[in-house]
């Protein structure tokens, strides 16, 4: 089975650890997938004008101390990027930030899967983020799980309550419609085409992990919503996965 790519939006920073339903979902998701050989993970928090690739033997993190790197995979990724003309470099100093270790902590709490973290260039156009993801697509055939971690809809907690704010829901529903039909022409211009794009994703980098995960699914144009909960903003999309795995739905924790 070829590995899918995932986009995991784990809600507002500092709240993910309290979202029990989402924690359960992530554990079930990991159990439903073949155990990956390694994980390649993009986080919007790690910014760099050049594409950086973590290359530490042991990942540095406060809350996921057993995470290991994979230097061989880091070098492989370096060559994939170089072959596509993508400026890149290795980095053996970067720590795993909370947008990286939070999903990993719940999916693989024993830290048994090596992790290679990748930076995000906040100045790139959406189609350039997608291109970087495409360069990584061959890794899925090597049982490498590619994950974009962050949030598609930000600032959901301005007015806490059981129902999401109307603007957030409008953007989220628009995004789901485009993903389900793989409408990249529109998604590349989400800032002009999406309702409330400025409120939902005020910084361009905030959409980068999603676009990178989409690109990594090439050539399969198959998007499935596996989990979404409001108002905290937690969601999970699978790209390029097998048909029938998970069911689209809102406010739910699907059986995988």
Protein backbone atom coordinates (compact mmCIF):
# COMPACT_ATOMS: atom_id res chain seq x y z
CA UNK A 1 0.00 0.00 0.00
CA UNK A 2 1.31 3.42 -0.95
CA UNK A 3 1.25 5.81 1.99
CA UNK A 4 -1.09 8.80 1.80
CA UNK A 5 -0.19 12.34 2.72
CA UNK A 6 -2.01 14.08 5.57
CA UNK A 7 -2.92 17.59 6.59
CA UNK A 8 -3.47 17.78 10.34
CA UNK A 9 -4.90 20.98 11.79
CA UNK A 10 -4.79 20.60 15.55
CA UNK A 11 -6.53 23.79 16.59
CA UNK A 12 -5.28 26.75 18.52
CA UNK A 13 -1.83 26.47 20.06
CA UNK A 14 -1.87 25.17 23.63
CA UNK A 15 -5.31 23.61 23.34
CA UNK A 16 -4.53 20.48 21.36
CA UNK A 17 -3.53 18.51 24.45
CA UNK A 18 -7.02 19.08 25.91
CA UNK A 19 -8.95 17.89 22.86
CA UNK A 20 -9.65 14.36 23.94
CA UNK A 21 -11.77 13.43 20.91
CA UNK A 22 -9.05 14.58 18.54
CA UNK A 23 -6.40 12.73 20.51
CA UNK A 24 -8.44 9.53 20.19
CA UNK A 25 -8.93 10.16 16.49
CA UNK A 26 -5.18 10.56 15.91
CA UNK A 27 -4.43 7.32 17.74
CA UNK A 28 -7.04 5.50 15.63
CA UNK A 29 -5.68 7.07 12.46
CA UNK A 30 -2.17 5.83 13.19
CA UNK A 31 -3.50 2.35 13.92
CA UNK A 32 -5.41 2.30 10.61
CA UNK A 33 -2.31 3.03 8.53
CA UNK A 34 0.62 0.73 7.83
CA UNK A 35 3.40 1.74 10.16
CA UNK A 36 5.53 4.17 8.17
CA UNK A 37 9.23 3.75 7.67
CA UNK A 38 9.60 7.44 8.53
CA UNK A 39 7.60 10.66 8.72
CA UNK A 40 8.35 13.84 6.80
CA UNK A 41 6.60 16.77 8.45
CA UNK A 42 6.10 20.41 7.44
CA UNK A 43 5.30 22.98 10.12
CA UNK A 44 4.38 26.60 9.44
CA UNK A 45 6.27 27.59 12.60
CA UNK A 46 9.64 26.70 11.09
CA UNK A 47 10.26 29.53 8.64
CA UNK A 48 13.21 29.83 6.31
CA UNK A 49 13.87 31.62 2.99
CA UNK A 50 15.58 28.43 1.79
CA UNK A 51 14.02 25.01 2.09
CA UNK A 52 15.64 23.44 5.15
CA UNK A 53 15.70 19.74 5.98
CA UNK A 54 16.33 18.55 9.52
CA UNK A 55 19.28 16.19 9.66
CA UNK A 56 19.86 15.60 13.37
CA UNK A 57 20.32 12.01 14.46
CA UNK A 58 18.21 12.76 17.56
CA UNK A 59 15.47 15.35 17.27
CA UNK A 60 15.47 18.15 19.83
CA UNK A 61 12.14 18.77 21.53
CA UNK A 62 10.80 19.51 24.99
CA UNK A 63 7.82 17.17 24.95
CA UNK A 64 8.72 14.36 22.51
CA UNK A 65 12.22 13.50 23.69
CA UNK A 66 12.60 10.09 22.10
CA UNK A 67 12.08 11.27 18.51
CA UNK A 68 14.85 10.14 16.18
CA UNK A 69 15.93 11.62 12.89
CA UNK A 70 16.85 9.78 9.71
CA UNK A 71 19.96 11.24 8.11
CA UNK A 72 19.76 8.90 5.12
CA UNK A 73 16.24 10.11 4.39
CA UNK A 74 17.32 13.73 4.91
CA UNK A 75 19.98 13.28 2.22
CA UNK A 76 17.46 11.56 -0.06
CA UNK A 77 15.11 14.54 0.30
CA UNK A 78 17.99 16.91 -0.40
CA UNK A 79 18.62 15.12 -3.70
CA UNK A 80 14.91 15.12 -4.62
CA UNK A 81 14.78 18.87 -4.13
CA UNK A 82 18.04 19.47 -5.99
CA UNK A 83 16.77 17.42 -8.93
CA UNK A 84 13.76 19.77 -9.13
CA UNK A 85 15.86 22.91 -8.82
CA UNK A 86 14.54 23.74 -5.35
CA UNK A 87 17.14 25.61 -3.23
CA UNK A 88 17.67 23.60 -0.03
CA UNK A 89 20.06 22.79 2.77
CA UNK A 90 20.44 20.46 5.73
CA UNK A 91 19.93 21.70 9.30
CA UNK A 92 21.02 19.62 12.30
CA UNK A 93 20.08 22.20 14.95
CA UNK A 94 16.34 22.83 14.54
CA UNK A 95 14.02 21.65 17.34
CA UNK A 96 10.63 20.08 16.70
CA UNK A 97 8.10 22.84 17.45
CA UNK A 98 4.66 22.20 18.93
CA UNK A 99 2.99 22.02 15.51
CA UNK A 100 5.38 19.16 14.74
CA UNK A 101 5.44 17.16 17.94
CA UNK A 102 1.75 17.48 18.96
CA UNK A 103 0.34 15.22 16.19
CA UNK A 104 3.33 12.88 16.45
CA UNK A 105 2.89 12.59 20.20
CA UNK A 106 -0.66 11.30 19.79
CA UNK A 107 -0.10 9.16 16.69
CA UNK A 108 3.18 7.51 17.73
CA UNK A 109 3.61 8.15 21.48
CA UNK A 110 6.52 5.73 21.72
CA UNK A 111 8.45 7.81 19.14
CA UNK A 112 9.21 4.62 17.24
CA UNK A 113 9.05 6.28 13.81
CA UNK A 114 11.96 8.52 12.70
CA UNK A 115 11.03 12.08 11.82
CA UNK A 116 12.47 14.51 9.30
CA UNK A 117 11.11 18.05 9.69
CA UNK A 118 10.95 20.51 6.81
CA UNK A 119 10.73 24.29 6.93
CA UNK A 120 8.26 26.59 5.19
CA UNK A 121 9.20 29.64 3.16
CA UNK A 122 6.54 32.26 4.01
CA UNK A 123 7.25 34.25 0.83
CA UNK A 124 6.51 31.52 -1.68
CA UNK A 125 3.40 31.57 -3.84
CA UNK A 126 0.83 28.79 -3.24
CA UNK A 127 1.79 26.97 -6.45
CA UNK A 128 5.42 26.91 -5.31
CA UNK A 129 4.47 25.23 -2.04
CA UNK A 130 2.54 22.67 -4.07
CA UNK A 131 5.60 22.09 -6.29
CA UNK A 132 7.74 21.34 -3.25
CA UNK A 133 5.18 18.78 -2.15
CA UNK A 134 5.20 17.19 -5.60
CA UNK A 135 8.96 16.72 -5.35
CA UNK A 136 8.38 14.56 -2.27
CA UNK A 137 5.64 12.40 -3.81
CA UNK A 138 8.02 9.48 -4.65
CA UNK A 139 8.64 8.98 -0.93
CA UNK A 140 5.10 7.65 -0.52
CA UNK A 141 6.14 4.58 -2.50
CA UNK A 142 8.91 4.07 0.06
CA UNK A 143 6.46 3.88 2.99
CA UNK A 144 7.19 7.43 4.12
CA UNK A 145 4.25 9.34 5.60
CA UNK A 146 4.17 13.01 4.58
CA UNK A 147 2.35 15.34 6.98
CA UNK A 148 1.52 19.03 6.86
CA UNK A 149 0.77 20.36 10.34
CA UNK A 150 -0.78 23.68 11.23
CA UNK A 151 -4.24 25.15 10.82
CA UNK A 152 -6.42 25.97 7.84
CA UNK A 153 -8.72 28.28 9.81
CA UNK A 154 -7.05 30.49 12.41
CA UNK A 155 -8.37 32.67 15.22
CA UNK A 156 -11.40 30.44 15.85
CA UNK A 157 -11.47 31.28 19.53
CA UNK A 158 -12.11 35.01 19.32
CA UNK A 159 -15.64 34.23 20.50
CA UNK A 160 -15.56 30.82 22.23
CA UNK A 161 -18.69 28.71 22.04
CA UNK A 162 -20.09 25.44 20.74
CA UNK A 163 -20.78 26.86 17.25
CA UNK A 164 -18.01 28.20 14.99
CA UNK A 165 -18.15 31.81 13.90
CA UNK A 166 -19.96 32.29 10.59
CA UNK A 167 -16.90 33.58 8.76
CA UNK A 168 -14.79 30.61 9.89
CA UNK A 169 -17.43 28.12 8.84
CA UNK A 170 -17.84 29.80 5.45
CA UNK A 171 -14.11 29.59 4.74
CA UNK A 172 -13.88 26.00 6.00
CA UNK A 173 -16.79 24.87 3.82
CA UNK A 174 -15.38 26.66 0.78
CA UNK A 175 -12.02 25.00 1.35
CA UNK A 176 -13.61 21.56 1.64
CA UNK A 177 -15.49 22.05 -1.63
CA UNK A 178 -12.28 22.89 -3.50
CA UNK A 179 -10.30 20.04 -1.94
CA UNK A 180 -12.94 17.43 -2.73
CA UNK A 181 -12.74 18.24 -6.46
CA UNK A 182 -9.00 19.00 -6.38
CA UNK A 183 -9.54 22.48 -7.77
CA UNK A 184 -5.97 23.70 -7.63
CA UNK A 185 -6.56 26.58 -10.02
CA UNK A 186 -8.92 28.13 -7.48
CA UNK A 187 -6.95 27.03 -4.40
CA UNK A 188 -3.81 28.71 -5.72
CA UNK A 189 -5.79 31.96 -5.67
CA UNK A 190 -7.58 31.39 -2.37
CA UNK A 191 -6.67 34.87 -1.12
CA UNK A 192 -8.90 36.41 -3.80
CA UNK A 193 -11.45 33.61 -4.25
CA UNK A 194 -12.19 32.28 -0.76
CA UNK A 195 -14.70 33.97 1.55
CA UNK A 196 -13.05 35.53 4.59
CA UNK A 197 -9.59 34.39 3.49
CA UNK A 198 -7.94 37.30 5.29
CA UNK A 199 -9.64 36.39 8.57
CA UNK A 200 -9.06 32.64 8.28
CA UNK A 201 -5.47 32.68 7.04
CA UNK A 202 -4.08 36.19 7.54
CA UNK A 203 -0.53 35.04 6.81
CA UNK A 204 0.25 33.20 3.53
CA UNK A 205 2.45 30.69 5.37
CA UNK A 206 -0.61 29.39 7.21
CA UNK A 207 -1.86 27.62 4.08
CA UNK A 208 1.57 26.24 3.18
CA UNK A 209 1.40 22.88 5.07
CA UNK A 210 -1.94 22.09 3.39
CA UNK A 211 -0.63 22.90 -0.09
CA UNK A 212 2.55 20.90 0.53
CA UNK A 213 0.54 17.86 1.62
CA UNK A 214 -1.65 18.21 -1.46
CA UNK A 215 1.35 18.30 -3.77
CA UNK A 216 2.83 15.22 -2.12
CA UNK A 217 -0.27 13.23 -3.12
CA UNK A 218 0.43 13.59 -6.84
CA UNK A 219 -0.59 12.01 -9.15
CA UNK A 220 -3.58 10.80 -7.11
CA UNK A 221 -6.23 13.52 -6.84
CA UNK A 222 -8.18 12.04 -3.95
CA UNK A 223 -9.05 14.13 -0.90
CA UNK A 224 -10.98 12.79 2.08
CA UNK A 225 -12.01 14.62 5.21
CA UNK A 226 -11.43 12.23 8.11
CA UNK A 227 -12.13 14.51 11.06
CA UNK A 228 -13.37 18.00 11.78
CA UNK A 229 -14.42 19.52 15.07
CA UNK A 230 -15.55 23.00 16.00
CA UNK A 231 -14.94 25.52 17.44
CA UNK A 232 -11.34 24.59 18.23
CA UNK A 233 -10.34 24.16 14.60
CA UNK A 234 -9.13 20.54 14.64
CA UNK A 235 -9.33 18.66 11.37
CA UNK A 236 -7.58 16.03 9.31
CA UNK A 237 -7.52 15.54 5.56
CA UNK A 238 -6.07 12.51 3.79
CA UNK A 239 -4.74 12.88 0.25
CA UNK A 240 -3.96 10.03 -2.12
CA UNK A 241 -5.28 7.44 0.34
CA UNK A 242 -7.29 4.32 -0.45
CA UNK A 243 -10.96 4.76 -1.32
CA UNK A 244 -13.28 4.00 1.55
CA UNK A 245 -10.83 4.78 4.33
CA UNK A 246 -12.63 7.26 6.56
CA UNK A 247 -15.83 9.08 5.78
CA UNK A 248 -16.36 12.75 5.20
CA UNK A 249 -18.14 14.45 8.05
CA UNK A 250 -18.30 17.40 10.40
CA UNK A 251 -17.92 17.44 14.15
CA UNK A 252 -17.13 13.78 14.19
CA UNK A 253 -14.54 11.18 15.04
CA UNK A 254 -14.96 8.64 12.26
CA UNK A 255 -14.33 4.95 12.54
CA UNK A 256 -11.21 4.29 10.51
